[in-house]
């Protein structure tokens, strides 16, 4: 198992830059935030990363 983890770690270091890894993490967090349907999560995500893609700013304001 240690050999497999070491191989994966080496592949990530070799082929993924920091910018690519950041985009992957932000994309994953965006998906999780959309699935939770929690207004607090949406607001926190918007403060840290900006508006969620595909959603209007006025969602939920009626």
N, C-alpha and C. Protein backbone atom coordinates (compact mmCIF):
# COMPACT_ATOMS: atom_id res chain seq x y z
N UNK A 1 0.83 -1.19 0.00
CA UNK A 1 0.00 0.00 0.00
C UNK A 1 0.87 1.25 0.00
N UNK A 2 1.97 1.22 0.72
CA UNK A 2 2.87 2.36 0.79
C UNK A 2 3.48 2.69 -0.56
N UNK A 3 3.74 1.66 -1.35
CA UNK A 3 4.33 1.87 -2.68
C UNK A 3 3.32 2.58 -3.59
N UNK A 4 2.06 2.19 -3.50
CA UNK A 4 1.02 2.81 -4.32
C UNK A 4 0.85 4.28 -3.94
N UNK A 5 0.79 4.56 -2.64
CA UNK A 5 0.64 5.94 -2.19
C UNK A 5 1.84 6.79 -2.59
N UNK A 6 3.03 6.21 -2.50
CA UNK A 6 4.23 6.93 -2.90
C UNK A 6 4.20 7.23 -4.40
N UNK A 7 3.74 6.27 -5.21
CA UNK A 7 3.63 6.47 -6.65
C UNK A 7 2.63 7.58 -6.97
N UNK A 8 1.48 7.56 -6.32
CA UNK A 8 0.46 8.59 -6.55
C UNK A 8 1.00 9.97 -6.16
N UNK A 9 1.69 10.03 -5.04
CA UNK A 9 2.28 11.30 -4.59
C UNK A 9 3.28 11.82 -5.61
N UNK A 10 4.12 10.95 -6.13
CA UNK A 10 5.13 11.36 -7.12
C UNK A 10 4.46 11.84 -8.41
N UNK A 11 3.38 11.18 -8.83
CA UNK A 11 2.66 11.58 -10.05
C UNK A 11 2.04 12.96 -9.87
N UNK A 12 1.44 13.19 -8.72
CA UNK A 12 0.81 14.49 -8.45
C UNK A 12 1.85 15.59 -8.46
N UNK A 13 2.98 15.36 -7.82
CA UNK A 13 4.04 16.37 -7.76
C UNK A 13 4.59 16.64 -9.16
N UNK A 14 4.73 15.60 -9.96
CA UNK A 14 5.34 15.75 -11.28
C UNK A 14 4.42 16.42 -12.29
N UNK A 15 3.14 16.06 -12.31
CA UNK A 15 2.26 16.49 -13.38
C UNK A 15 1.26 17.58 -13.02
N UNK A 16 1.05 17.85 -11.75
CA UNK A 16 0.09 18.88 -11.37
C UNK A 16 0.81 20.05 -10.74
N UNK A 17 0.55 21.23 -11.27
CA UNK A 17 1.12 22.42 -10.66
C UNK A 17 0.21 22.87 -9.52
N UNK A 18 0.66 23.83 -8.76
CA UNK A 18 -0.12 24.35 -7.65
C UNK A 18 -1.43 24.96 -8.13
N UNK A 19 -1.37 25.68 -9.24
CA UNK A 19 -2.58 26.32 -9.77
C UNK A 19 -3.63 25.29 -10.15
N UNK A 20 -3.22 24.19 -10.76
CA UNK A 20 -4.16 23.14 -11.15
C UNK A 20 -4.77 22.49 -9.91
N UNK A 21 -3.96 22.23 -8.91
CA UNK A 21 -4.46 21.61 -7.68
C UNK A 21 -5.45 22.55 -6.98
N UNK A 22 -5.17 23.86 -6.96
CA UNK A 22 -6.09 24.81 -6.35
C UNK A 22 -7.43 24.82 -7.07
N UNK A 23 -7.41 24.79 -8.40
CA UNK A 23 -8.65 24.79 -9.16
C UNK A 23 -9.45 23.52 -8.91
N UNK A 24 -8.79 22.37 -8.79
CA UNK A 24 -9.47 21.11 -8.51
C UNK A 24 -10.13 21.17 -7.13
N UNK A 25 -9.42 21.69 -6.13
CA UNK A 25 -9.97 21.78 -4.78
C UNK A 25 -11.15 22.74 -4.73
N UNK A 26 -11.03 23.90 -5.38
CA UNK A 26 -12.11 24.88 -5.40
C UNK A 26 -13.33 24.30 -6.13
N UNK A 27 -13.11 23.60 -7.22
CA UNK A 27 -14.21 22.96 -7.96
C UNK A 27 -14.92 21.93 -7.07
N UNK A 28 -14.15 21.12 -6.37
CA UNK A 28 -14.74 20.12 -5.48
C UNK A 28 -15.52 20.74 -4.34
N UNK A 29 -14.99 21.80 -3.77
CA UNK A 29 -15.71 22.51 -2.70
C UNK A 29 -17.00 23.13 -3.23
N UNK A 30 -16.95 23.66 -4.45
CA UNK A 30 -18.15 24.24 -5.05
C UNK A 30 -19.25 23.20 -5.22
N UNK A 31 -18.88 22.00 -5.63
CA UNK A 31 -19.85 20.92 -5.78
C UNK A 31 -20.44 20.55 -4.42
N UNK A 32 -19.61 20.44 -3.42
CA UNK A 32 -20.10 20.11 -2.08
C UNK A 32 -21.04 21.19 -1.54
N UNK A 33 -20.71 22.44 -1.76
CA UNK A 33 -21.54 23.54 -1.28
C UNK A 33 -22.90 23.52 -1.97
N UNK A 34 -22.92 23.24 -3.27
CA UNK A 34 -24.19 23.19 -4.00
C UNK A 34 -25.06 22.05 -3.50
N UNK A 35 -24.47 20.94 -3.10
CA UNK A 35 -25.24 19.77 -2.68
C UNK A 35 -25.80 19.91 -1.27
N UNK A 36 -25.19 20.73 -0.43
CA UNK A 36 -25.64 20.82 0.96
C UNK A 36 -26.91 21.63 1.14
N UNK A 37 -27.22 22.52 0.21
CA UNK A 37 -28.42 23.37 0.28
C UNK A 37 -28.48 24.21 1.56
N UNK A 38 -27.31 24.56 2.10
CA UNK A 38 -27.24 25.37 3.30
C UNK A 38 -26.86 26.80 2.92
N UNK A 39 -27.64 27.74 3.40
CA UNK A 39 -27.38 29.14 3.07
C UNK A 39 -26.04 29.61 3.68
N UNK A 40 -25.70 29.12 4.85
CA UNK A 40 -24.45 29.50 5.50
C UNK A 40 -23.25 29.04 4.66
N UNK A 41 -23.32 27.82 4.13
CA UNK A 41 -22.25 27.32 3.27
C UNK A 41 -22.12 28.15 2.01
N UNK A 42 -23.28 28.50 1.41
CA UNK A 42 -23.26 29.31 0.19
C UNK A 42 -22.63 30.67 0.44
N UNK A 43 -22.99 31.29 1.55
CA UNK A 43 -22.45 32.62 1.87
C UNK A 43 -20.94 32.56 2.13
N UNK A 44 -20.50 31.55 2.86
CA UNK A 44 -19.07 31.40 3.14
C UNK A 44 -18.29 31.15 1.86
N UNK A 45 -18.81 30.28 0.99
CA UNK A 45 -18.14 30.00 -0.28
C UNK A 45 -18.06 31.26 -1.13
N UNK A 46 -19.15 32.04 -1.15
CA UNK A 46 -19.18 33.27 -1.94
C UNK A 46 -18.17 34.29 -1.41
N UNK A 47 -18.04 34.37 -0.10
CA UNK A 47 -17.08 35.31 0.50
C UNK A 47 -15.65 34.90 0.14
N UNK A 48 -15.34 33.62 0.22
CA UNK A 48 -13.97 33.16 0.01
C UNK A 48 -13.62 33.07 -1.47
N UNK A 49 -14.49 32.47 -2.29
CA UNK A 49 -14.13 32.16 -3.67
C UNK A 49 -14.91 32.95 -4.71
N UNK A 50 -15.91 33.70 -4.33
CA UNK A 50 -16.74 34.43 -5.29
C UNK A 50 -18.04 33.70 -5.53
N UNK A 51 -18.82 34.21 -6.49
CA UNK A 51 -20.14 33.68 -6.78
C UNK A 51 -20.06 32.25 -7.31
N UNK A 52 -21.03 31.42 -6.92
CA UNK A 52 -21.12 30.07 -7.45
C UNK A 52 -21.47 30.14 -8.93
N UNK A 53 -20.83 29.34 -9.74
CA UNK A 53 -21.10 29.32 -11.17
C UNK A 53 -22.50 28.79 -11.42
N UNK A 54 -23.19 29.41 -12.35
CA UNK A 54 -24.50 28.95 -12.74
C UNK A 54 -25.63 29.37 -11.81
N UNK A 55 -25.34 30.23 -10.85
CA UNK A 55 -26.38 30.67 -9.93
C UNK A 55 -26.45 32.20 -9.96
N UNK A 56 -27.66 32.72 -9.77
CA UNK A 56 -27.86 34.16 -9.71
C UNK A 56 -27.54 34.67 -8.32
N UNK A 57 -27.16 35.93 -8.24
CA UNK A 57 -26.90 36.52 -6.93
C UNK A 57 -28.15 36.65 -6.10
N UNK A 58 -29.32 36.77 -6.75
CA UNK A 58 -30.57 37.00 -6.04
C UNK A 58 -31.30 35.71 -5.67
N UNK A 59 -30.65 34.59 -5.75
CA UNK A 59 -31.31 33.32 -5.41
C UNK A 59 -31.66 33.33 -3.95
N UNK A 60 -32.90 33.03 -3.64
CA UNK A 60 -33.34 32.97 -2.26
C UNK A 60 -33.78 34.27 -1.67
N UNK A 61 -33.71 35.35 -2.42
CA UNK A 61 -34.14 36.66 -1.93
C UNK A 61 -35.51 36.99 -2.50
N UNK A 62 -36.55 36.65 -1.82
CA UNK A 62 -37.91 36.97 -2.26
C UNK A 62 -38.72 37.51 -1.13
